[in-house]
């Protein structure tokens, strides 16, 4: 039996902050006590929080494909991604892998399977610090999304799949102004090229979106994979999500869709960068507005790993009715429950000792140490 003691810590529990000590035995939390212990590692009043759980990050993709058309060495990209998420306090990360490609690019069939195999090989070689699970980002309007999804038919690491459609005039891109900025202006398309691009996207969506949503939701239900909706904008979208057994509503683009999703029992997820910046990068609703209405449940770092913990402190500082324990739960306990991870996400006896020591300095959290199953990894 191995034992560790952390003392003189501000322990962030689900319902309160306890000034006390934590005893860890054999990788699990064994005891939580108020007051300081005579033995153990003195935290000097630093916060002790559960290891963060990241459900939706595109961060690995930016390492693997750092420039258009560039593919980096897979193991090197994975290690760089893992190092950054772990030192941001994330001990469980769902790596997003894109399913479906089109004329806008994407990845060839087999490429994401190879990346997943490289992640699992890196785990076996003890290269990684965080635990890596898989989130399949399924572009339902793509003609080959089911083929890509089939490459993961027997992979137990797949625990989450999102159903998304980035076609113009709906969901994330409810106005052509938003879509034009994102696809035409930023990519330097001519009017003629952009018109052809829009027509193609609309045709693909009309043909494939509905049947692919149905097929993917059915496959996930059969395998016990949590299903997420993506960029829901209307009540009709929410009703559709309910019919598909969705448990996680990612990035709703209207307040009415967020409220309806929350009321239906789905966990509403928004981007932590949105919280830190105070607005959406694509011009949609601000996450803080949902927090103020009590319908924000989960945060995702999306593309900036450290934003996950930073945003929790911002919400606790700036939003009435949100204290630090409930803000931290948005990046720990609630995402764990949403995807059925019952062994982590809280500081409670019997759970995994996935823990983070953190201090505030001038508003930005400083990660001082990270443990995964009691092993120090950062």
Protein backbone atom coordinates (compact mmCIF):
# COMPACT_ATOMS: atom_id res chain seq x y z
CA UNK A 1 0.00 0.00 0.00
CA UNK A 2 1.28 3.45 -0.95
CA UNK A 3 0.05 6.57 0.84
CA UNK A 4 0.27 10.30 0.14
CA UNK A 5 -1.06 13.18 2.19
CA UNK A 6 -1.84 16.68 0.92
CA UNK A 7 -2.40 19.17 3.71
CA UNK A 8 -3.13 22.87 4.28
CA UNK A 9 -5.12 22.88 1.04
CA UNK A 10 -8.30 24.66 -0.02
CA UNK A 11 -10.13 21.55 -1.22
CA UNK A 12 -12.81 22.32 -3.82
CA UNK A 13 -15.65 19.88 -3.24
CA UNK A 14 -18.87 19.87 -5.26
CA UNK A 15 -20.80 21.92 -2.72
CA UNK A 16 -18.18 23.84 -0.74
CA UNK A 17 -14.51 24.66 -0.22
CA UNK A 18 -12.93 22.82 2.70
CA UNK A 19 -9.70 23.93 4.37
CA UNK A 20 -8.15 20.59 5.10
CA UNK A 21 -6.21 17.51 4.08
CA UNK A 22 -6.59 14.60 1.67
CA UNK A 23 -5.14 11.13 2.14
CA UNK A 24 -4.49 9.03 -0.97
CA UNK A 25 -3.90 5.29 -0.96
CA UNK A 26 -3.14 3.11 -3.95
CA UNK A 27 -4.19 5.71 -6.48
CA UNK A 28 -7.53 6.56 -4.88
CA UNK A 29 -8.82 9.17 -2.47
CA UNK A 30 -9.03 7.45 0.93
CA UNK A 31 -9.83 10.24 3.41
CA UNK A 32 -10.86 13.91 3.40
CA UNK A 33 -10.53 15.80 6.66
CA UNK A 34 -10.95 19.34 7.87
CA UNK A 35 -7.84 21.00 9.30
CA UNK A 36 -4.16 20.50 8.70
CA UNK A 37 -2.17 17.32 9.13
CA UNK A 38 1.20 17.12 10.83
CA UNK A 39 2.51 15.05 7.93
CA UNK A 40 2.31 15.32 4.18
CA UNK A 41 2.88 17.85 1.41
CA UNK A 42 2.00 21.36 2.58
CA UNK A 43 -0.05 23.17 -0.08
CA UNK A 44 0.37 26.56 1.59
CA UNK A 45 -3.29 27.40 1.04
CA UNK A 46 -3.34 26.52 -2.67
CA UNK A 47 -6.53 25.09 -4.17
CA UNK A 48 -6.85 21.34 -4.67
CA UNK A 49 -9.36 20.52 -7.41
CA UNK A 50 -10.29 17.38 -9.35
CA UNK A 51 -8.45 16.71 -12.59
CA UNK A 52 -10.22 18.47 -15.44
CA UNK A 53 -12.24 16.48 -17.97
CA UNK A 54 -12.16 17.80 -21.52
CA UNK A 55 -14.96 16.52 -23.78
CA UNK A 56 -14.36 18.51 -26.97
CA UNK A 57 -10.95 19.71 -28.09
CA UNK A 58 -9.68 20.24 -31.63
CA UNK A 59 -6.21 20.82 -30.20
CA UNK A 60 -4.70 17.54 -31.40
CA UNK A 61 -5.70 18.34 -34.96
CA UNK A 62 -3.77 21.62 -34.83
CA UNK A 63 -0.61 19.69 -33.88
CA UNK A 64 -1.11 16.97 -36.47
CA UNK A 65 -2.01 19.39 -39.26
CA UNK A 66 -0.34 22.68 -38.22
CA UNK A 67 -0.66 24.20 -41.71
CA UNK A 68 -2.96 23.47 -44.66
CA UNK A 69 -1.69 20.34 -46.38
CA UNK A 70 0.96 19.65 -43.72
CA UNK A 71 0.91 16.40 -41.72
CA UNK A 72 3.21 16.21 -38.71
CA UNK A 73 4.72 13.03 -37.27
CA UNK A 74 1.80 11.41 -35.42
CA UNK A 75 3.55 10.36 -32.23
CA UNK A 76 5.32 13.70 -31.96
CA UNK A 77 2.04 15.58 -32.49
CA UNK A 78 0.27 13.45 -29.88
CA UNK A 79 2.99 13.99 -27.28
CA UNK A 80 2.98 17.75 -27.84
CA UNK A 81 -0.80 17.85 -27.47
CA UNK A 82 -0.72 15.63 -24.38
CA UNK A 83 1.94 17.75 -22.68
CA UNK A 84 -0.05 20.94 -23.15
CA UNK A 85 -3.39 19.58 -21.99
CA UNK A 86 -1.87 17.92 -18.93
CA UNK A 87 0.00 21.02 -17.81
CA UNK A 88 -3.33 22.85 -18.15
CA UNK A 89 -4.78 20.54 -15.48
CA UNK A 90 -6.61 18.17 -17.84
CA UNK A 91 -6.25 14.52 -16.74
CA UNK A 92 -8.94 13.03 -19.02
CA UNK A 93 -9.16 14.28 -22.59
CA UNK A 94 -11.54 13.30 -25.37
CA UNK A 95 -9.53 13.82 -28.54
CA UNK A 96 -11.76 14.98 -31.39
CA UNK A 97 -11.23 13.06 -34.63
CA UNK A 98 -13.00 14.33 -37.73
CA UNK A 99 -15.33 11.94 -39.56
CA UNK A 100 -16.21 12.93 -43.11
CA UNK A 101 -14.35 14.97 -45.72
CA UNK A 102 -15.40 17.10 -48.67
CA UNK A 103 -14.08 19.61 -51.17
CA UNK A 104 -13.18 21.87 -48.23
CA UNK A 105 -10.53 19.40 -47.19
CA UNK A 106 -10.64 17.17 -44.15
CA UNK A 107 -8.80 13.89 -43.85
CA UNK A 108 -8.73 10.80 -46.04
CA UNK A 109 -10.36 7.59 -44.92
CA UNK A 110 -8.01 5.71 -42.62
CA UNK A 111 -6.10 8.80 -41.55
CA UNK A 112 -8.06 9.32 -38.33
CA UNK A 113 -7.92 5.58 -37.64
CA UNK A 114 -4.15 5.74 -37.94
CA UNK A 115 -4.06 8.72 -35.56
CA UNK A 116 -6.18 6.84 -33.03
CA UNK A 117 -3.89 3.82 -33.33
CA UNK A 118 -0.92 6.10 -32.70
CA UNK A 119 -2.59 7.48 -29.54
CA UNK A 120 -3.17 3.98 -28.21
CA UNK A 121 0.38 2.92 -29.08
CA UNK A 122 1.70 5.98 -27.23
CA UNK A 123 -0.34 4.95 -24.19
CA UNK A 124 1.10 1.43 -24.28
CA UNK A 125 4.60 2.89 -24.53
CA UNK A 126 3.94 5.06 -21.45
CA UNK A 127 4.47 8.26 -23.45
CA UNK A 128 1.31 10.03 -22.28
CA UNK A 129 0.38 11.81 -19.07
CA UNK A 130 -3.39 12.26 -19.44
CA UNK A 131 -5.90 9.52 -20.20
CA UNK A 132 -6.99 9.81 -23.83
CA UNK A 133 -10.47 8.81 -25.03
CA UNK A 134 -12.03 9.45 -28.43
CA UNK A 135 -14.74 11.88 -29.55
CA UNK A 136 -15.82 11.33 -33.15
CA UNK A 137 -16.91 14.61 -34.79
CA UNK A 138 -19.31 13.36 -37.44
CA UNK A 139 -20.05 15.76 -40.31
CA UNK A 140 -23.44 14.35 -41.26
CA UNK A 141 -23.62 16.22 -44.59
CA UNK A 142 -20.50 14.45 -45.86
CA UNK A 143 -21.08 11.58 -48.27
CA UNK A 144 -18.35 9.47 -46.65
CA UNK A 145 -18.98 10.03 -42.94
CA UNK A 146 -20.37 6.52 -42.41
CA UNK A 147 -17.30 5.00 -44.06
CA UNK A 148 -15.02 6.94 -41.72
CA UNK A 149 -17.17 6.00 -38.72
CA UNK A 150 -16.94 2.32 -39.69
CA UNK A 151 -13.18 2.43 -39.09
CA UNK A 152 -13.97 2.75 -35.36
CA UNK A 153 -16.53 -0.05 -35.16
CA UNK A 154 -14.64 -2.08 -32.55
CA UNK A 155 -12.78 0.63 -30.65
CA UNK A 156 -13.71 0.82 -26.94
CA UNK A 157 -11.90 4.18 -26.65
CA UNK A 158 -14.79 5.81 -28.53
CA UNK A 159 -17.02 7.21 -25.78
CA UNK A 160 -18.57 10.26 -27.45
CA UNK A 161 -19.82 11.18 -30.93
CA UNK A 162 -21.22 14.52 -32.08
CA UNK A 163 -23.62 15.01 -34.98
CA UNK A 164 -22.76 18.22 -36.81
CA UNK A 165 -23.74 19.98 -40.01
CA UNK A 166 -21.78 23.09 -40.99
CA UNK A 167 -23.86 23.87 -44.07
CA UNK A 168 -24.78 27.52 -44.78
CA UNK A 169 -27.96 29.09 -43.45
CA UNK A 170 -28.36 27.01 -40.30
CA UNK A 171 -26.95 26.18 -36.88
CA UNK A 172 -23.52 27.82 -36.49
CA UNK A 173 -23.96 29.73 -39.74
CA UNK A 174 -27.52 31.00 -39.51
CA UNK A 175 -26.70 34.00 -41.70
CA UNK A 176 -24.78 34.07 -44.96
CA UNK A 177 -22.74 36.96 -43.54
CA UNK A 178 -21.19 34.60 -40.97
CA UNK A 179 -20.65 31.88 -43.55
CA UNK A 180 -19.14 34.27 -46.08
CA UNK A 181 -16.63 35.55 -43.53
CA UNK A 182 -15.64 32.06 -42.45
CA UNK A 183 -15.39 30.37 -45.83
CA UNK A 184 -15.05 33.03 -48.52
CA UNK A 185 -13.19 35.97 -47.00
CA UNK A 186 -10.75 34.00 -44.85
CA UNK A 187 -9.98 31.53 -47.63
CA UNK A 188 -9.78 34.00 -50.46
CA UNK A 189 -12.45 32.42 -52.70
CA UNK A 190 -13.77 34.33 -55.71
CA UNK A 191 -17.51 35.01 -55.96
CA UNK A 192 -17.86 32.21 -58.49
CA UNK A 193 -15.88 29.73 -56.40
CA UNK A 194 -17.86 30.62 -53.29
CA UNK A 195 -21.21 30.26 -55.09
CA UNK A 196 -20.25 26.78 -56.29
CA UNK A 197 -19.04 25.89 -52.79
CA UNK A 198 -22.35 26.99 -51.21
CA UNK A 199 -24.46 25.14 -53.77
CA UNK A 200 -22.48 21.96 -53.23
CA UNK A 201 -22.77 22.19 -49.44
CA UNK A 202 -26.52 22.74 -49.60
CA UNK A 203 -27.01 19.79 -51.94
CA UNK A 204 -24.96 17.48 -49.73
CA UNK A 205 -26.86 18.56 -46.61
CA UNK A 206 -30.25 18.02 -48.26
CA UNK A 207 -29.27 14.55 -49.40
CA UNK A 208 -27.29 13.17 -46.47
CA UNK A 209 -27.90 15.01 -43.19
CA UNK A 210 -31.11 13.36 -42.03
CA UNK A 211 -30.29 9.74 -42.92
CA UNK A 212 -26.75 10.03 -41.57
CA UNK A 213 -27.98 11.50 -38.27
CA UNK A 214 -30.39 8.60 -37.88
CA UNK A 215 -27.80 5.97 -38.76
CA UNK A 216 -25.10 7.39 -36.48
CA UNK A 217 -27.47 7.87 -33.53
CA UNK A 218 -28.65 4.27 -33.90
CA UNK A 219 -25.09 2.93 -34.05
CA UNK A 220 -24.09 4.92 -30.95
CA UNK A 221 -27.12 3.69 -29.00
CA UNK A 222 -26.23 0.10 -29.81
CA UNK A 223 -22.65 0.59 -28.60
CA UNK A 224 -23.37 2.74 -25.54
CA UNK A 225 -21.61 5.79 -26.99
CA UNK A 226 -22.79 9.16 -25.66
CA UNK A 227 -24.31 11.29 -28.43
CA UNK A 228 -23.89 15.06 -28.68
CA UNK A 229 -25.79 17.53 -30.82
CA UNK A 230 -23.88 20.46 -32.26
CA UNK A 231 -24.77 24.11 -32.87
CA UNK A 232 -28.51 23.65 -32.28
CA UNK A 233 -30.31 26.91 -33.06
CA UNK A 234 -34.05 26.19 -32.94
CA UNK A 235 -36.59 24.29 -30.87
CA UNK A 236 -36.97 21.91 -33.82
CA UNK A 237 -33.26 21.12 -33.56
CA UNK A 238 -33.69 20.34 -29.86
CA UNK A 239 -36.65 18.06 -30.54
CA UNK A 240 -34.57 16.25 -33.14
CA UNK A 241 -31.75 15.87 -30.60
CA UNK A 242 -34.15 14.41 -28.03
CA UNK A 243 -35.27 11.85 -30.59
CA UNK A 244 -31.65 10.81 -31.12
CA UNK A 245 -31.02 10.30 -27.40
CA UNK A 246 -28.62 13.23 -27.14
CA UNK A 247 -27.11 13.80 -23.70
CA UNK A 248 -24.75 16.66 -24.53
CA UNK A 249 -25.79 19.85 -26.39
CA UNK A 250 -22.59 21.35 -27.78
CA UNK A 251 -22.38 25.05 -28.56
CA UNK A 252 -26.07 25.94 -29.00
CA UNK A 253 -26.30 29.10 -31.08
CA UNK A 254 -29.45 30.58 -29.57
CA UNK A 255 -30.63 31.14 -26.01
CA UNK A 256 -33.95 29.37 -26.70
CA UNK A 257 -32.13 26.24 -27.92
CA UNK A 258 -29.83 26.27 -24.89
CA UNK A 259 -32.71 26.68 -22.46
CA UNK A 260 -34.76 23.95 -24.12
CA UNK A 261 -31.79 21.56 -24.15
CA UNK A 262 -31.09 22.18 -20.47
CA UNK A 263 -34.75 21.72 -19.57
CA UNK A 264 -34.79 18.43 -21.50
CA UNK A 265 -31.99 17.11 -19.28
CA UNK A 266 -29.11 17.54 -21.71
CA UNK A 267 -25.85 19.02 -20.48
CA UNK A 268 -25.30 22.31 -22.31
CA UNK A 269 -21.66 22.76 -23.36
CA UNK A 270 -20.05 26.04 -24.37
CA UNK A 271 -16.50 27.05 -25.13
CA UNK A 272 -14.21 28.19 -22.35
CA UNK A 273 -12.53 30.65 -24.77
CA UNK A 274 -15.98 32.21 -25.22
CA UNK A 275 -16.14 32.76 -21.43
CA UNK A 276 -12.63 34.19 -21.16
CA UNK A 277 -13.08 36.49 -24.20
CA UNK A 278 -16.65 37.42 -23.29
CA UNK A 279 -17.97 36.51 -26.73
CA UNK A 280 -18.09 33.85 -29.43
CA UNK A 281 -15.39 33.87 -32.13
CA UNK A 282 -18.11 33.18 -34.75
CA UNK A 283 -20.55 35.85 -33.61
CA UNK A 284 -23.02 33.59 -31.82
CA UNK A 285 -24.27 33.84 -28.23
CA UNK A 286 -21.98 34.53 -25.28
CA UNK A 287 -21.48 31.67 -22.84
CA UNK A 288 -21.77 34.07 -19.89
CA UNK A 289 -25.34 34.88 -20.95
CA UNK A 290 -26.23 31.21 -20.55
CA UNK A 291 -24.39 31.05 -17.22
CA UNK A 292 -26.41 33.99 -15.92
CA UNK A 293 -29.62 32.16 -16.92
CA UNK A 294 -28.51 28.99 -15.14
CA UNK A 295 -28.39 26.87 -18.30
CA UNK A 296 -24.63 26.40 -18.74
CA UNK A 297 -23.51 22.97 -17.55
CA UNK A 298 -20.16 22.08 -19.16
CA UNK A 299 -17.18 23.99 -20.51
CA UNK A 300 -14.78 22.87 -23.22
CA UNK A 301 -11.36 24.34 -23.92
CA UNK A 302 -12.04 23.77 -27.66
CA UNK A 303 -8.81 25.26 -29.04
CA UNK A 304 -6.98 26.77 -25.98
CA UNK A 305 -6.28 24.13 -23.28
CA UNK A 306 -5.59 26.51 -20.38
CA UNK A 307 -8.88 28.31 -21.01
CA UNK A 308 -10.76 25.43 -19.35
CA UNK A 309 -9.59 26.22 -15.83
CA UNK A 310 -9.28 29.95 -16.51
CA UNK A 311 -12.95 30.13 -17.51
CA UNK A 312 -14.10 28.40 -14.33
CA UNK A 313 -12.46 31.10 -12.23
CA UNK A 314 -13.86 33.84 -14.51
CA UNK A 315 -17.41 32.53 -14.01
CA UNK A 316 -16.92 32.33 -10.23
CA UNK A 317 -15.61 35.90 -10.20
CA UNK A 318 -18.07 37.53 -12.58
CA UNK A 319 -21.43 35.72 -12.56
CA UNK A 320 -23.83 36.15 -9.65
CA UNK A 321 -24.99 32.82 -8.26
CA UNK A 322 -21.97 30.85 -9.48
CA UNK A 323 -19.47 30.04 -6.75
CA UNK A 324 -16.14 28.35 -7.39
CA UNK A 325 -17.37 24.80 -6.53
CA UNK A 326 -20.18 24.96 -9.11
CA UNK A 327 -17.88 26.54 -11.69
CA UNK A 328 -15.26 23.83 -11.17
CA UNK A 329 -17.99 21.19 -11.50
CA UNK A 330 -18.55 22.42 -15.08
CA UNK A 331 -15.07 21.17 -15.98
CA UNK A 332 -14.97 18.09 -13.74
CA UNK A 333 -18.04 16.43 -12.20
CA UNK A 334 -20.68 17.32 -14.78
CA UNK A 335 -18.72 16.28 -17.89
CA UNK A 336 -17.80 13.04 -16.10
CA UNK A 337 -21.43 12.25 -15.37
CA UNK A 338 -22.55 13.21 -18.86
CA UNK A 339 -20.35 10.58 -20.49
CA UNK A 340 -20.71 7.97 -17.75
CA UNK A 341 -17.30 8.26 -16.07
CA UNK A 342 -18.33 7.50 -12.49
CA UNK A 343 -14.81 6.98 -11.11
CA UNK A 344 -13.53 10.56 -11.44
CA UNK A 345 -14.47 14.25 -11.59
CA UNK A 346 -14.91 14.82 -7.86
CA UNK A 347 -12.81 14.85 -4.71
CA UNK A 348 -14.61 12.10 -2.85
CA UNK A 349 -13.57 8.97 -1.02
CA UNK A 350 -13.12 5.97 -3.28
CA UNK A 351 -12.65 7.93 -6.51
CA UNK A 352 -9.50 8.17 -8.61
CA UNK A 353 -6.86 10.53 -7.31
CA UNK A 354 -6.86 12.71 -10.43
CA UNK A 355 -5.97 16.01 -8.80
CA UNK A 356 -4.65 19.48 -9.57
CA UNK A 357 -2.89 21.96 -7.31
CA UNK A 358 -3.63 25.49 -8.47
CA UNK A 359 -2.99 29.03 -7.30
CA UNK A 360 -4.50 32.29 -8.51
CA UNK A 361 -2.16 35.06 -9.59
CA UNK A 362 -3.45 38.31 -11.08
CA UNK A 363 -6.62 36.57 -12.22
CA UNK A 364 -5.00 33.75 -14.20
CA UNK A 365 -4.71 30.32 -12.53
CA UNK A 366 -1.24 28.85 -12.16
CA UNK A 367 -1.08 25.05 -12.31
CA UNK A 368 1.48 24.00 -9.72
CA UNK A 369 1.13 20.21 -9.89
CA UNK A 370 -1.04 17.55 -11.55
CA UNK A 371 -1.61 13.97 -10.47
CA UNK A 372 -3.32 11.18 -12.39
CA UNK A 373 -4.27 8.17 -10.24
CA UNK A 374 -1.90 9.64 -7.65
CA UNK A 375 1.08 9.66 -10.05
CA UNK A 376 2.49 13.10 -10.56
CA UNK A 377 2.37 13.89 -14.27
CA UNK A 378 3.07 17.64 -14.28
